[in-house]
C-alpha atoms as a PDB file:
ATOM      1  CA  MET A   1       0.000   0.000   0.000  1.00  0.00           C
ATOM      2  CA  SER A   2       1.505   3.317  -0.963  1.00  0.00           C
ATOM      3  CA  VAL A   3       1.197   6.504   1.024  1.00  0.00           C
ATOM      4  CA  LYS A   4       1.203   9.804  -0.795  1.00  0.00           C
ATOM      5  CA  ASN A   5       3.104  12.742   0.702  1.00  0.00           C
ATOM      6  CA  LYS A   6       0.705  15.460   1.649  1.00  0.00           C
ATOM      7  CA  LYS A   7       1.700  18.994   0.847  1.00  0.00           C
ATOM      8  CA  LYS A   8       1.352  21.581   3.618  1.00  0.00           C
ATOM      9  CA  LYS A   9      -1.183  24.157   2.935  1.00  0.00           C
ATOM     10  CA  PRO A  10       0.181  27.609   1.945  1.00  0.00           C
ATOM     11  CA  ASP A  11      -1.406  29.253   5.027  1.00  0.00           C
ATOM     12  CA  THR A  12       0.391  26.857   7.354  1.00  0.00           C
ATOM     13  CA  VAL A  13       3.746  27.534   5.688  1.00  0.00           C
ATOM     14  CA  ARG A  14       3.263  31.272   5.945  1.00  0.00           C
ATOM     15  CA  MET A  15       2.369  30.924   9.624  1.00  0.00           C
ATOM     16  CA  LEU A  16       5.529  28.940  10.363  1.00  0.00           C
ATOM     17  CA  VAL A  17       7.645  31.516   8.538  1.00  0.00           C
ATOM     18  CA  LEU A  18       6.063  34.328  10.526  1.00  0.00           C
ATOM     19  CA  ILE A  19       6.694  32.504  13.818  1.00  0.00           C
ATOM     20  CA  ALA A  20      10.321  31.908  12.851  1.00  0.00           C
ATOM     21  CA  VAL A  21      10.778  35.572  11.937  1.00  0.00           C
ATOM     22  CA  ALA A  22       9.156  36.632  15.230  1.00  0.00           C
ATOM     23  CA  VAL A  23      11.418  34.334  17.234  1.00  0.00           C
ATOM     24  CA  ILE A  24      14.501  35.662  15.453  1.00  0.00           C
ATOM     25  CA  PHE A  25      13.325  39.232  16.028  1.00  0.00           C
ATOM     26  CA  MET A  26      12.681  38.629  19.703  1.00  0.00           C
ATOM     27  CA  CYS A  27      16.085  37.023  20.123  1.00  0.00           C
ATOM     28  CA  ALA A  28      17.716  39.985  18.392  1.00  0.00           C
ATOM     29  CA  VAL A  29      15.833  42.429  20.609  1.00  0.00           C
ATOM     30  CA  GLY A  30      16.743  40.370  23.663  1.00  0.00           C
ATOM     31  CA  ILE A  31      20.425  40.318  22.755  1.00  0.00           C
ATOM     32  CA  PHE A  32      20.391  44.044  22.021  1.00  0.00           C
ATOM     33  CA  GLY A  33      18.588  44.768  25.286  1.00  0.00           C
ATOM     34  CA  TYR A  34      20.954  42.547  27.249  1.00  0.00           C
ATOM     35  CA  LYS A  35      23.988  44.329  25.786  1.00  0.00           C
ATOM     36  CA  TYR A  36      22.388  47.708  26.419  1.00  0.00           C
ATOM     37  CA  MET A  37      21.774  46.857  30.086  1.00  0.00           C
ATOM     38  CA  LEU A  38      25.485  46.078  30.452  1.00  0.00           C
ATOM     39  CA  SER A  39      26.704  49.204  28.636  1.00  0.00           C
ATOM     40  CA  PRO A  40      28.008  52.328  30.467  1.00  0.00           C
ATOM     41  CA  VAL A  41      25.325  54.184  32.393  1.00  0.00           C
ATOM     42  CA  ASP A  42      26.394  57.588  31.082  1.00  0.00           C
ATOM     43  CA  LYS A  43      29.296  59.362  29.425  1.00  0.00           C
ATOM     44  CA  SER A  44      29.826  61.944  32.138  1.00  0.00           C
ATOM     45  CA  GLY A  45      33.122  60.449  33.240  1.00  0.00           C
ATOM     46  CA  GLU A  46      32.102  60.861  36.898  1.00  0.00           C
ATOM     47  CA  ASP A  47      34.177  58.854  39.360  1.00  0.00           C
ATOM     48  CA  VAL A  48      32.316  56.917  42.038  1.00  0.00           C
ATOM     49  CA  ARG A  49      33.961  55.401  45.112  1.00  0.00           C
ATOM     50  CA  VAL A  50      32.467  52.122  46.271  1.00  0.00           C
ATOM     51  CA  GLU A  51      33.372  49.877  49.181  1.00  0.00           C
ATOM     52  CA  ILE A  52      32.697  46.172  48.745  1.00  0.00           C
ATOM     53  CA  THR A  53      32.885  44.714  52.235  1.00  0.00           C
ATOM     54  CA  GLU A  54      34.262  41.323  53.155  1.00  0.00           C
ATOM     55  CA  GLY A  55      31.652  38.578  52.929  1.00  0.00           C
ATOM     56  CA  SER A  56      29.525  40.360  50.321  1.00  0.00           C
ATOM     57  CA  TYR A  57      27.530  38.055  48.050  1.00  0.00           C
ATOM     58  CA  LEU A  58      26.940  38.636  44.346  1.00  0.00           C
ATOM     59  CA  GLY A  59      23.521  40.091  45.117  1.00  0.00           C
ATOM     60  CA  ASP A  60      25.030  42.533  47.638  1.00  0.00           C
ATOM     61  CA  ILE A  61      27.617  43.666  45.099  1.00  0.00           C
ATOM     62  CA  ALA A  62      25.031  44.099  42.347  1.00  0.00           C
ATOM     63  CA  ASP A  63      22.808  46.148  44.663  1.00  0.00           C
ATOM     64  CA  GLU A  64      25.784  48.322  45.684  1.00  0.00           C
ATOM     65  CA  LEU A  65      26.686  48.999  42.053  1.00  0.00           C
ATOM     66  CA  LYS A  66      23.072  49.830  41.208  1.00  0.00           C
ATOM     67  CA  GLU A  67      22.679  52.177  44.212  1.00  0.00           C
ATOM     68  CA  ASN A  68      25.794  54.063  43.092  1.00  0.00           C
ATOM     69  CA  GLY A  69      24.498  54.487  39.540  1.00  0.00           C
ATOM     70  CA  LEU A  70      27.117  52.255  37.923  1.00  0.00           C
ATOM     71  CA  ILE A  71      24.809  49.649  36.354  1.00  0.00           C
ATOM     72  CA  ARG A  72      21.278  49.787  35.033  1.00  0.00           C
ATOM     73  CA  SER A  73      19.934  46.614  36.583  1.00  0.00           C
ATOM     74  CA  ALA A  74      21.124  44.533  39.518  1.00  0.00           C
ATOM     75  CA  PHE A  75      19.197  41.546  38.132  1.00  0.00           C
ATOM     76  CA  VAL A  76      20.871  41.711  34.715  1.00  0.00           C
ATOM     77  CA  TYR A  77      24.289  42.170  36.310  1.00  0.00           C
ATOM     78  CA  LYS A  78      23.796  39.074  38.469  1.00  0.00           C
ATOM     79  CA  LEU A  79      22.713  37.158  35.345  1.00  0.00           C
ATOM     80  CA  TYR A  80      25.800  38.392  33.490  1.00  0.00           C
ATOM     81  CA  ALA A  81      28.156  37.384  36.326  1.00  0.00           C
ATOM     82  CA  LYS A  82      26.613  33.918  36.522  1.00  0.00           C
ATOM     83  CA  ILE A  83      26.817  33.411  32.756  1.00  0.00           C
ATOM     84  CA  GLU A  84      30.484  34.433  32.855  1.00  0.00           C
ATOM     85  CA  GLY A  85      31.069  32.166  35.846  1.00  0.00           C
ATOM     86  CA  VAL A  86      32.590  34.918  37.994  1.00  0.00           C
ATOM     87  CA  GLY A  87      29.843  35.414  40.567  1.00  0.00           C
ATOM     88  CA  SER A  88      31.879  33.932  43.414  1.00  0.00           C
ATOM     89  CA  SER A  89      35.213  35.462  42.377  1.00  0.00           C
ATOM     90  CA  LEU A  90      34.489  39.161  42.897  1.00  0.00           C
ATOM     91  CA  LYS A  91      36.744  40.621  45.585  1.00  0.00           C
ATOM     92  CA  ALA A  92      36.148  42.991  48.477  1.00  0.00           C
ATOM     93  CA  GLY A  93      37.905  46.332  48.603  1.00  0.00           C
ATOM     94  CA  ASN A  94      37.652  50.079  48.095  1.00  0.00           C
ATOM     95  CA  TYR A  95      37.176  50.855  44.415  1.00  0.00           C
ATOM     96  CA  THR A  96      37.008  53.948  42.271  1.00  0.00           C
ATOM     97  CA  PHE A  97      34.779  53.232  39.283  1.00  0.00           C
ATOM     98  CA  ASN A  98      33.715  55.548  36.483  1.00  0.00           C
ATOM     99  CA  LYS A  99      30.170  55.843  35.176  1.00  0.00           C
ATOM    100  CA  ASN A 100      31.622  55.552  31.675  1.00  0.00           C
ATOM    101  CA  MET A 101      32.669  51.980  32.452  1.00  0.00           C
ATOM    102  CA  SER A 102      30.710  49.010  31.156  1.00  0.00           C
ATOM    103  CA  ALA A 103      29.635  46.150  33.392  1.00  0.00           C
ATOM    104  CA  GLU A 104      32.444  44.092  31.868  1.00  0.00           C
ATOM    105  CA  GLU A 105      35.068  46.704  32.775  1.00  0.00           C
ATOM    106  CA  ILE A 106      33.682  47.029  36.300  1.00  0.00           C
ATOM    107  CA  THR A 107      33.797  43.251  36.684  1.00  0.00           C
ATOM    108  CA  GLU A 108      37.430  43.129  35.535  1.00  0.00           C
ATOM    109  CA  LEU A 109      38.383  45.441  38.405  1.00  0.00           C
ATOM    110  CA  LEU A 110      36.319  43.444  40.875  1.00  0.00           C
ATOM    111  CA  LEU A 111      38.142  40.289  39.811  1.00  0.00           C
ATOM    112  CA  ILE A 112      41.550  41.905  40.360  1.00  0.00           C
ATOM    113  CA  GLY A 113      40.559  43.394  43.709  1.00  0.00           C
ATOM    114  CA  THR A 114      42.281  46.072  45.766  1.00  0.00           C
ATOM    115  CA  GLN A 115      44.730  44.204  47.901  1.00  0.00           C
ATOM    116  CA  LYS A 116      45.444  46.919  50.430  1.00  0.00           C
ATOM    117  CA  GLU A 117      46.782  46.498  53.912  1.00  0.00           C
ATOM    118  CA  THR A 118      44.237  47.193  56.634  1.00  0.00           C
ATOM    119  CA  MET A 119      44.455  48.206  60.265  1.00  0.00           C
ATOM    120  CA  THR A 120      42.031  48.182  63.168  1.00  0.00           C
ATOM    121  CA  ILE A 121      41.099  51.340  65.064  1.00  0.00           C
ATOM    122  CA  THR A 122      38.920  51.615  68.150  1.00  0.00           C
ATOM    123  CA  ILE A 123      37.020  54.814  68.842  1.00  0.00           C
ATOM    124  CA  ARG A 124      35.991  54.674  72.483  1.00  0.00           C
ATOM    125  CA  GLU A 125      32.602  55.863  73.701  1.00  0.00           C
ATOM    126  CA  GLY A 126      32.467  59.127  75.622  1.00  0.00           C
ATOM    127  CA  LEU A 127      35.179  60.844  73.558  1.00  0.00           C
ATOM    128  CA  ASP A 128      34.930  64.299  72.040  1.00  0.00           C
ATOM    129  CA  SER A 129      36.252  65.140  68.571  1.00  0.00           C
ATOM    130  CA  TYR A 130      39.421  66.637  70.065  1.00  0.00           C
ATOM    131  CA  ARG A 131      40.384  63.321  71.643  1.00  0.00           C
ATOM    132  CA  ILE A 132      39.233  61.310  68.641  1.00  0.00           C
ATOM    133  CA  SER A 133      41.396  63.372  66.307  1.00  0.00           C
ATOM    134  CA  ASN A 134      44.426  62.992  68.591  1.00  0.00           C
ATOM    135  CA  TYR A 135      43.924  59.239  68.765  1.00  0.00           C
ATOM    136  CA  LEU A 136      43.701  58.970  64.965  1.00  0.00           C
ATOM    137  CA  GLU A 137      46.906  60.962  64.653  1.00  0.00           C
ATOM    138  CA  GLU A 138      48.598  58.490  67.014  1.00  0.00           C
ATOM    139  CA  THR A 139      47.591  55.625  64.715  1.00  0.00           C
ATOM    140  CA  GLY A 140      49.532  57.297  61.903  1.00  0.00           C
ATOM    141  CA  LEU A 141      46.564  57.549  59.541  1.00  0.00           C
ATOM    142  CA  PHE A 142      46.651  61.347  59.286  1.00  0.00           C
ATOM    143  CA  THR A 143      47.036  64.376  61.521  1.00  0.00           C
ATOM    144  CA  ALA A 144      44.452  65.650  63.966  1.00  0.00           C
ATOM    145  CA  GLU A 145      44.389  68.899  62.005  1.00  0.00           C
ATOM    146  CA  GLU A 146      43.561  67.063  58.762  1.00  0.00           C
ATOM    147  CA  PHE A 147      40.726  65.181  60.457  1.00  0.00           C
ATOM    148  CA  LEU A 148      39.108  68.239  62.024  1.00  0.00           C
ATOM    149  CA  GLY A 149      39.766  70.287  58.879  1.00  0.00           C
ATOM    150  CA  GLU A 150      37.845  67.755  56.770  1.00  0.00           C
ATOM    151  CA  ILE A 151      34.816  68.206  59.032  1.00  0.00           C
ATOM    152  CA  GLU A 152      35.010  71.992  59.051  1.00  0.00           C
ATOM    153  CA  ASP A 153      35.632  72.369  55.315  1.00  0.00           C
ATOM    154  CA  ASN A 154      33.171  69.770  54.050  1.00  0.00           C
ATOM    155  CA  PHE A 155      30.339  69.673  56.565  1.00  0.00           C
ATOM    156  CA  ASP A 156      27.810  70.458  53.806  1.00  0.00           C
ATOM    157  CA  TYR A 157      28.773  67.205  52.100  1.00  0.00           C
ATOM    158  CA  TYR A 158      27.995  65.159  55.206  1.00  0.00           C
ATOM    159  CA  GLN A 159      24.786  67.036  55.924  1.00  0.00           C
ATOM    160  CA  ASP A 160      23.586  66.360  52.370  1.00  0.00           C
ATOM    161  CA  ASN A 161      24.256  62.631  52.726  1.00  0.00           C
ATOM    162  CA  TYR A 162      23.022  61.866  56.252  1.00  0.00           C
ATOM    163  CA  GLU A 163      19.449  62.654  57.246  1.00  0.00           C
ATOM    164  CA  PHE A 164      20.174  62.742  60.974  1.00  0.00           C
ATOM    165  CA  LEU A 165      22.432  65.775  60.464  1.00  0.00           C
ATOM    166  CA  LYS A 166      19.624  67.941  59.074  1.00  0.00           C
ATOM    167  CA  ASP A 167      19.106  69.812  62.366  1.00  0.00           C
ATOM    168  CA  VAL A 168      22.761  70.706  62.920  1.00  0.00           C
ATOM    169  CA  ASP A 169      23.146  74.481  62.690  1.00  0.00           C
ATOM    170  CA  GLU A 170      26.473  75.583  61.235  1.00  0.00           C
ATOM    171  CA  ASN A 171      26.062  78.921  63.017  1.00  0.00           C
ATOM    172  CA  SER A 172      25.336  77.479  66.461  1.00  0.00           C
ATOM    173  CA  GLY A 173      28.815  78.262  67.764  1.00  0.00           C
ATOM    174  CA  ARG A 174      29.666  74.628  68.396  1.00  0.00           C
ATOM    175  CA  ASP A 175      33.288  73.563  68.479  1.00  0.00           C
ATOM    176  CA  CYS A 176      32.893  70.693  65.990  1.00  0.00           C
ATOM    177  CA  LEU A 177      29.940  70.277  63.642  1.00  0.00           C
ATOM    178  CA  LEU A 178      30.046  66.466  63.830  1.00  0.00           C
ATOM    179  CA  GLU A 179      30.562  66.323  67.589  1.00  0.00           C
ATOM    180  CA  GLY A 180      28.560  63.451  69.066  1.00  0.00           C
ATOM    181  CA  TYR A 181      27.890  61.809  65.697  1.00  0.00           C
ATOM    182  CA  LEU A 182      31.315  60.142  65.361  1.00  0.00           C
ATOM    183  CA  PHE A 183      30.096  56.862  66.766  1.00  0.00           C
ATOM    184  CA  GLY A 184      32.396  54.868  68.984  1.00  0.00           C
ATOM    185  CA  ASP A 185      33.177  51.353  67.726  1.00  0.00           C
ATOM    186  CA  THR A 186      35.969  49.174  66.358  1.00  0.00           C
ATOM    187  CA  TYR A 187      36.598  49.664  62.643  1.00  0.00           C
ATOM    188  CA  ASP A 188      38.802  48.029  60.018  1.00  0.00           C
ATOM    189  CA  VAL A 189      40.241  50.674  57.699  1.00  0.00           C
ATOM    190  CA  TYR A 190      42.870  50.740  54.979  1.00  0.00           C
ATOM    191  CA  VAL A 191      46.267  52.013  56.075  1.00  0.00           C
ATOM    192  CA  ASP A 192      45.981  54.822  53.517  1.00  0.00           C
ATOM    193  CA  ALA A 193      42.426  55.750  54.528  1.00  0.00           C
ATOM    194  CA  SER A 194      41.571  59.426  54.273  1.00  0.00           C
ATOM    195  CA  PRO A 195      39.798  61.430  56.986  1.00  0.00           C
ATOM    196  CA  ARG A 196      36.612  61.189  54.922  1.00  0.00           C
ATOM    197  CA  ASP A 197      36.883  57.390  54.754  1.00  0.00           C
ATOM    198  CA  VAL A 198      37.036  57.151  58.552  1.00  0.00           C
ATOM    199  CA  ILE A 199      34.363  59.789  59.161  1.00  0.00           C
ATOM    200  CA  GLU A 200      31.930  58.051  56.827  1.00  0.00           C
ATOM    201  CA  LYS A 201      32.460  54.749  58.617  1.00  0.00           C
ATOM    202  CA  MET A 202      31.586  56.388  61.943  1.00  0.00           C
ATOM    203  CA  LEU A 203      28.562  58.196  60.504  1.00  0.00           C
ATOM    204  CA  ASP A 204      27.355  54.992  58.820  1.00  0.00           C
ATOM    205  CA  ARG A 205      27.548  53.266  62.191  1.00  0.00           C
ATOM    206  CA  PHE A 206      25.579  56.114  63.781  1.00  0.00           C
ATOM    207  CA  ASP A 207      22.974  55.671  61.043  1.00  0.00           C
ATOM    208  CA  ASP A 208      22.695  51.991  61.960  1.00  0.00           C
ATOM    209  CA  VAL A 209      22.141  52.848  65.633  1.00  0.00           C
ATOM    210  CA  PHE A 210      19.719  55.727  65.071  1.00  0.00           C
ATOM    211  CA  GLU A 211      16.660  53.612  64.328  1.00  0.00           C
ATOM    212  CA  GLU A 212      13.796  54.795  62.142  1.00  0.00           C
ATOM    213  CA  GLU A 213      11.460  55.097  65.110  1.00  0.00           C
ATOM    214  CA  TYR A 214      13.806  57.590  66.752  1.00  0.00           C
ATOM    215  CA  TYR A 215      12.890  60.253  64.185  1.00  0.00           C
ATOM    216  CA  ASP A 216       9.245  60.006  65.219  1.00  0.00           C
ATOM    217  CA  ARG A 217      10.211  59.858  68.883  1.00  0.00           C
ATOM    218  CA  CYS A 218      12.001  63.205  68.599  1.00  0.00           C
ATOM    219  CA  ASP A 219       8.801  64.677  67.173  1.00  0.00           C
ATOM    220  CA  ASP A 220       6.808  63.186  70.052  1.00  0.00           C
ATOM    221  CA  LEU A 221       9.164  64.801  72.584  1.00  0.00           C
ATOM    222  CA  GLY A 222       9.146  68.125  70.750  1.00  0.00           C
ATOM    223  CA  ILE A 223      12.921  68.117  70.325  1.00  0.00           C
ATOM    224  CA  THR A 224      15.258  68.030  67.348  1.00  0.00           C
ATOM    225  CA  ILE A 225      17.539  65.118  66.553  1.00  0.00           C
ATOM    226  CA  ASP A 226      20.479  67.321  67.467  1.00  0.00           C
ATOM    227  CA  GLU A 227      18.971  68.082  70.869  1.00  0.00           C
ATOM    228  CA  ALA A 228      18.449  64.368  71.489  1.00  0.00           C
ATOM    229  CA  VAL A 229      22.072  63.685  70.551  1.00  0.00           C
ATOM    230  CA  THR A 230      23.227  66.532  72.784  1.00  0.00           C
ATOM    231  CA  MET A 231      21.290  65.129  75.733  1.00  0.00           C
ATOM    232  CA  ALA A 232      22.674  61.636  75.043  1.00  0.00           C
ATOM    233  CA  SER A 233      26.225  62.978  75.075  1.00  0.00           C
ATOM    234  CA  ILE A 234      25.769  64.667  78.464  1.00  0.00           C
ATOM    235  CA  VAL A 235      24.093  61.593  79.938  1.00  0.00           C
ATOM    236  CA  GLU A 236      26.953  59.452  78.614  1.00  0.00           C
ATOM    237  CA  ARG A 237      29.552  61.550  80.413  1.00  0.00           C
ATOM    238  CA  GLU A 238      27.634  61.601  83.710  1.00  0.00           C
ATOM    239  CA  THR A 239      27.407  57.896  84.554  1.00  0.00           C
ATOM    240  CA  ILE A 240      29.187  54.651  83.747  1.00  0.00           C
ATOM    241  CA  SER A 241      26.220  52.505  84.763  1.00  0.00           C
ATOM    242  CA  ASN A 242      23.865  51.419  81.988  1.00  0.00           C
ATOM    243  CA  ASP A 243      21.172  50.894  84.611  1.00  0.00           C
ATOM    244  CA  GLU A 244      21.216  54.610  85.533  1.00  0.00           C
ATOM    245  CA  LEU A 245      21.222  56.199  82.109  1.00  0.00           C
ATOM    246  CA  GLU A 246      17.458  56.653  81.831  1.00  0.00           C
ATOM    247  CA  THR A 247      17.249  57.947  85.404  1.00  0.00           C
ATOM    248  CA  VAL A 248      19.992  60.508  84.764  1.00  0.00           C
ATOM    249  CA  ALA A 249      18.257  61.613  81.562  1.00  0.00           C
ATOM    250  CA  GLY A 250      15.050  62.059  83.562  1.00  0.00           C
ATOM    251  CA  VAL A 251      16.884  64.306  86.049  1.00  0.00           C
ATOM    252  CA  PHE A 252      18.120  66.597  83.284  1.00  0.00           C
ATOM    253  CA  TYR A 253      14.737  66.783  81.578  1.00  0.00           C
ATOM    254  CA  ASN A 254      13.124  67.620  84.943  1.00  0.00           C
ATOM    255  CA  ARG A 255      15.592  70.441  85.473  1.00  0.00           C
ATOM    256  CA  ILE A 256      15.024  71.834  81.974  1.00  0.00           C
ATOM    257  CA  ASP A 257      11.243  71.664  82.372  1.00  0.00           C
ATOM    258  CA  ASP A 258      11.460  73.613  85.669  1.00  0.00           C
ATOM    259  CA  GLY A 259      13.865  76.240  84.301  1.00  0.00           C
ATOM    260  CA  MET A 260      16.835  74.984  86.340  1.00  0.00           C
ATOM    261  CA  ARG A 261      20.372  74.907  85.007  1.00  0.00           C
ATOM    262  CA  LEU A 262      21.771  71.434  84.300  1.00  0.00           C
ATOM    263  CA  GLU A 263      24.953  72.125  86.313  1.00  0.00           C
ATOM    264  CA  SER A 264      26.788  69.236  84.695  1.00  0.00           C
ATOM    265  CA  CYS A 265      30.496  68.863  85.380  1.00  0.00           C
ATOM    266  CA  ALA A 266      30.750  66.994  82.092  1.00  0.00           C
ATOM    267  CA  THR A 267      30.120  70.233  80.226  1.00  0.00           C
ATOM    268  CA  LEU A 268      32.975  71.913  82.097  1.00  0.00           C
ATOM    269  CA  GLN A 269      35.205  68.995  81.172  1.00  0.00           C
ATOM    270  CA  TYR A 270      34.356  69.701  77.557  1.00  0.00           C
ATOM    271  CA  ILE A 271      35.297  73.352  77.906  1.00  0.00           C
ATOM    272  CA  TYR A 272      38.640  72.671  79.560  1.00  0.00           C
ATOM    273  CA  LYS A 273      39.411  69.521  77.531  1.00  0.00           C
ATOM    274  CA  ASP A 274      40.354  67.914  80.828  1.00  0.00           C
ATOM    275  CA  TYR A 275      38.681  64.973  82.527  1.00  0.00           C
ATOM    276  CA  GLN A 276      39.047  66.457  85.996  1.00  0.00           C
ATOM    277  CA  TYR A 277      36.154  65.726  88.336  1.00  0.00           C
ATOM    278  CA  THR A 278      36.060  68.842  90.514  1.00  0.00           C
ATOM    279  CA  PHE A 279      36.111  72.477  89.495  1.00  0.00           C
ATOM    280  CA  THR A 280      36.697  75.759  91.275  1.00  0.00           C
ATOM    281  CA  TYR A 281      33.990  78.373  91.707  1.00  0.00           C
ATOM    282  CA  LYS A 282      35.837  80.562  89.204  1.00  0.00           C
ATOM    283  CA  GLN A 283      35.789  77.779  86.607  1.00  0.00           C
ATOM    284  CA  MET A 284      32.085  77.264  87.176  1.00  0.00           C
ATOM    285  CA  GLN A 285      31.515  80.935  86.333  1.00  0.00           C
ATOM    286  CA  THR A 286      33.492  80.923  83.084  1.00  0.00           C
ATOM    287  CA  ASP A 287      31.632  82.698  80.287  1.00  0.00           C
ATOM    288  CA  ASN A 288      31.184  79.897  77.779  1.00  0.00           C
ATOM    289  CA  PRO A 289      27.907  78.711  76.189  1.00  0.00           C
ATOM    290  CA  TYR A 290      28.861  75.138  77.098  1.00  0.00           C
ATOM    291  CA  ASN A 291      28.956  76.064  80.788  1.00  0.00           C
ATOM    292  CA  THR A 292      25.725  74.650  82.216  1.00  0.00           C
ATOM    293  CA  TYR A 293      26.498  76.191  85.604  1.00  0.00           C
ATOM    294  CA  LYS A 294      26.090  79.622  84.025  1.00  0.00           C
ATOM    295  CA  TYR A 295      23.659  79.061  81.151  1.00  0.00           C
ATOM    296  CA  SER A 296      20.298  77.294  81.199  1.00  0.00           C
ATOM    297  CA  GLY A 297      19.193  74.571  78.824  1.00  0.00           C
ATOM    298  CA  LEU A 298      21.273  72.277  76.678  1.00  0.00           C
ATOM    299  CA  THR A 299      24.708  73.124  75.366  1.00  0.00           C
ATOM    300  CA  PRO A 300      25.036  74.466  71.780  1.00  0.00           C
ATOM    301  CA  GLY A 301      25.773  70.924  70.658  1.00  0.00           C
ATOM    302  CA  PRO A 302      26.895  67.485  71.855  1.00  0.00           C
ATOM    303  CA  ILE A 303      29.987  67.163  74.040  1.00  0.00           C
ATOM    304  CA  ALA A 304      31.019  63.594  73.163  1.00  0.00           C
ATOM    305  CA  ASN A 305      29.986  60.425  71.402  1.00  0.00           C
ATOM    306  CA  PHE A 306      28.090  57.866  73.449  1.00  0.00           C
ATOM    307  CA  ARG A 307      26.774  54.357  73.993  1.00  0.00           C
ATOM    308  CA  LYS A 308      23.641  53.428  72.090  1.00  0.00           C
ATOM    309  CA  GLU A 309      22.053  52.945  75.516  1.00  0.00           C
ATOM    310  CA  ALA A 310      22.662  56.625  76.293  1.00  0.00           C
ATOM    311  CA  LEU A 311      20.865  57.602  73.090  1.00  0.00           C
ATOM    312  CA  TYR A 312      17.935  55.426  74.065  1.00  0.00           C
ATOM    313  CA  ALA A 313      17.886  57.065  77.516  1.00  0.00           C
ATOM    314  CA  ALA A 314      17.786  60.540  75.961  1.00  0.00           C
ATOM    315  CA  LEU A 315      14.758  59.490  73.922  1.00  0.00           C
ATOM    316  CA  TYR A 316      13.005  57.389  76.551  1.00  0.00           C
ATOM    317  CA  PRO A 317      13.933  58.913  79.932  1.00  0.00           C
ATOM    318  CA  ASP A 318      12.476  57.659  83.187  1.00  0.00           C
ATOM    319  CA  GLU A 319       9.621  59.700  84.637  1.00  0.00           C
ATOM    320  CA  HIS A 320      10.359  60.518  88.292  1.00  0.00           C
ATOM    321  CA  ASP A 321      10.734  63.408  90.757  1.00  0.00           C
ATOM    322  CA  TYR A 322      14.531  63.464  91.008  1.00  0.00           C
ATOM    323  CA  TYR A 323      16.389  66.720  90.368  1.00  0.00           C
ATOM    324  CA  TYR A 324      19.840  65.880  91.741  1.00  0.00           C
ATOM    325  CA  PHE A 325      22.381  63.070  91.850  1.00  0.00           C
ATOM    326  CA  CYS A 326      25.927  62.545  93.063  1.00  0.00           C
ATOM    327  CA  ALA A 327      28.493  59.763  92.783  1.00  0.00           C
ATOM    328  CA  LYS A 328      28.536  57.104  95.472  1.00  0.00           C
ATOM    329  CA  GLY A 329      32.033  55.905  94.698  1.00  0.00           C
ATOM    330  CA  ASP A 330      31.091  52.430  93.505  1.00  0.00           C
ATOM    331  CA  GLY A 331      30.142  53.314  89.939  1.00  0.00           C
ATOM    332  CA  THR A 332      26.561  54.224  90.846  1.00  0.00           C
ATOM    333  CA  SER A 333      24.806  57.416  91.877  1.00  0.00           C
ATOM    334  CA  ALA A 334      22.620  58.625  94.733  1.00  0.00           C
ATOM    335  CA  PHE A 335      19.524  60.438  93.467  1.00  0.00           C
ATOM    336  CA  ALA A 336      17.585  63.102  95.361  1.00  0.00           C
ATOM    337  CA  LYS A 337      14.313  64.964  94.946  1.00  0.00           C
ATOM    338  CA  THR A 338      15.300  68.058  96.939  1.00  0.00           C
ATOM    339  CA  LEU A 339      18.432  70.103  97.458  1.00  0.00           C
ATOM    340  CA  SER A 340      18.407  69.157 101.126  1.00  0.00           C
ATOM    341  CA  GLU A 341      18.392  65.439 100.270  1.00  0.00           C
ATOM    342  CA  HIS A 342      21.148  66.035  97.740  1.00  0.00           C
ATOM    343  CA  GLU A 343      23.326  67.786 100.335  1.00  0.00           C
ATOM    344  CA  ASP A 344      22.782  64.880 102.716  1.00  0.00           C
ATOM    345  CA  ASN A 345      23.937  62.486  99.982  1.00  0.00           C
ATOM    346  CA  ILE A 346      27.054  64.570  99.402  1.00  0.00           C
ATOM    347  CA  ASP A 347      27.835  64.501 103.130  1.00  0.00           C
ATOM    348  CA  ARG A 348      27.290  60.769 103.162  1.00  0.00           C
ATOM    349  CA  TYR A 349      29.317  59.812 100.141  1.00  0.00           C
ATOM    350  CA  GLY A 350      31.834  62.635 100.031  1.00  0.00           C
ATOM    351  CA  ASP A 351      33.676  63.613  96.858  1.00  0.00           C
ATOM    352  CA  ASN A 352      33.544  60.163  95.243  1.00  0.00           C
ATOM    353  CA  TRP A 353      34.040  61.343  91.707  1.00  0.00           C
ATOM    354  CA  GLU A 354      36.451  58.728  90.447  1.00  0.00           C
END
């Protein structure tokens, strides 16, 4: 029995040809689009500094590149890196990319890496910018003058990039515009790090600690972020006990609410750049806006950096009737509601300031 070959109808042939053409067109568009997504973002030639931290995954790196305007799509970049088989070979480091670079050129640098020597620095809590700058000079990174000069000359840059600095008044008469915001912690930095590199690490850490709810909490209290930071810095310098921080903050808020001066020795320490614990009557009368024995209210700005617990205390102080406290000599304080009680505590515990 013979079987005759059936000819395909003309309409069916035309349909197959159209489908083939469509597939080819879509593939061409896809290839063009893929290449476009990997091409340079713009021709401006703008340099962008990016830090890829140790332990970053491909997704982290792609997101970092996208956030800095170096690639068009994090998804496409991840796809590209996986196709090229380099997703797990990209290296951590501090890079300077250019927006005129393609994804391929950026990847080439990430594969080479920046093998720079690092060092560890520890910024202690309760330090003012004067002591921080001196410590950084001792590490050999740069001079204290270069560090403080970077803050003074480029404060606008930091204020534009960190929301929590929006309330800082450049004309407030403060000694250092970033006082209190240089968060104390241990940091790994490159041995050739610039003052800006170190400052940004400390401000980034502050940003981590200053939770989103704190912005609303400042509004609830009727204070600015800068006032909250100023209060936290004074509370930090007044007690070493985490358990007392919120009580101490409550004392200072009570005094402010009743029009009393804070009379904090910590503010005199800031003026004299000396961690002495007792001051003469003459020193307590010095004409300086940071002198809370002479002027009411908060100081023009923070007097030190602080523990995150001190920041919490400034935002969520205890509600009580205490207006005074003095050191007991064992790392804790004796609190009093009246001046008479306070004087009795001083008689009882003496000058236990250390």
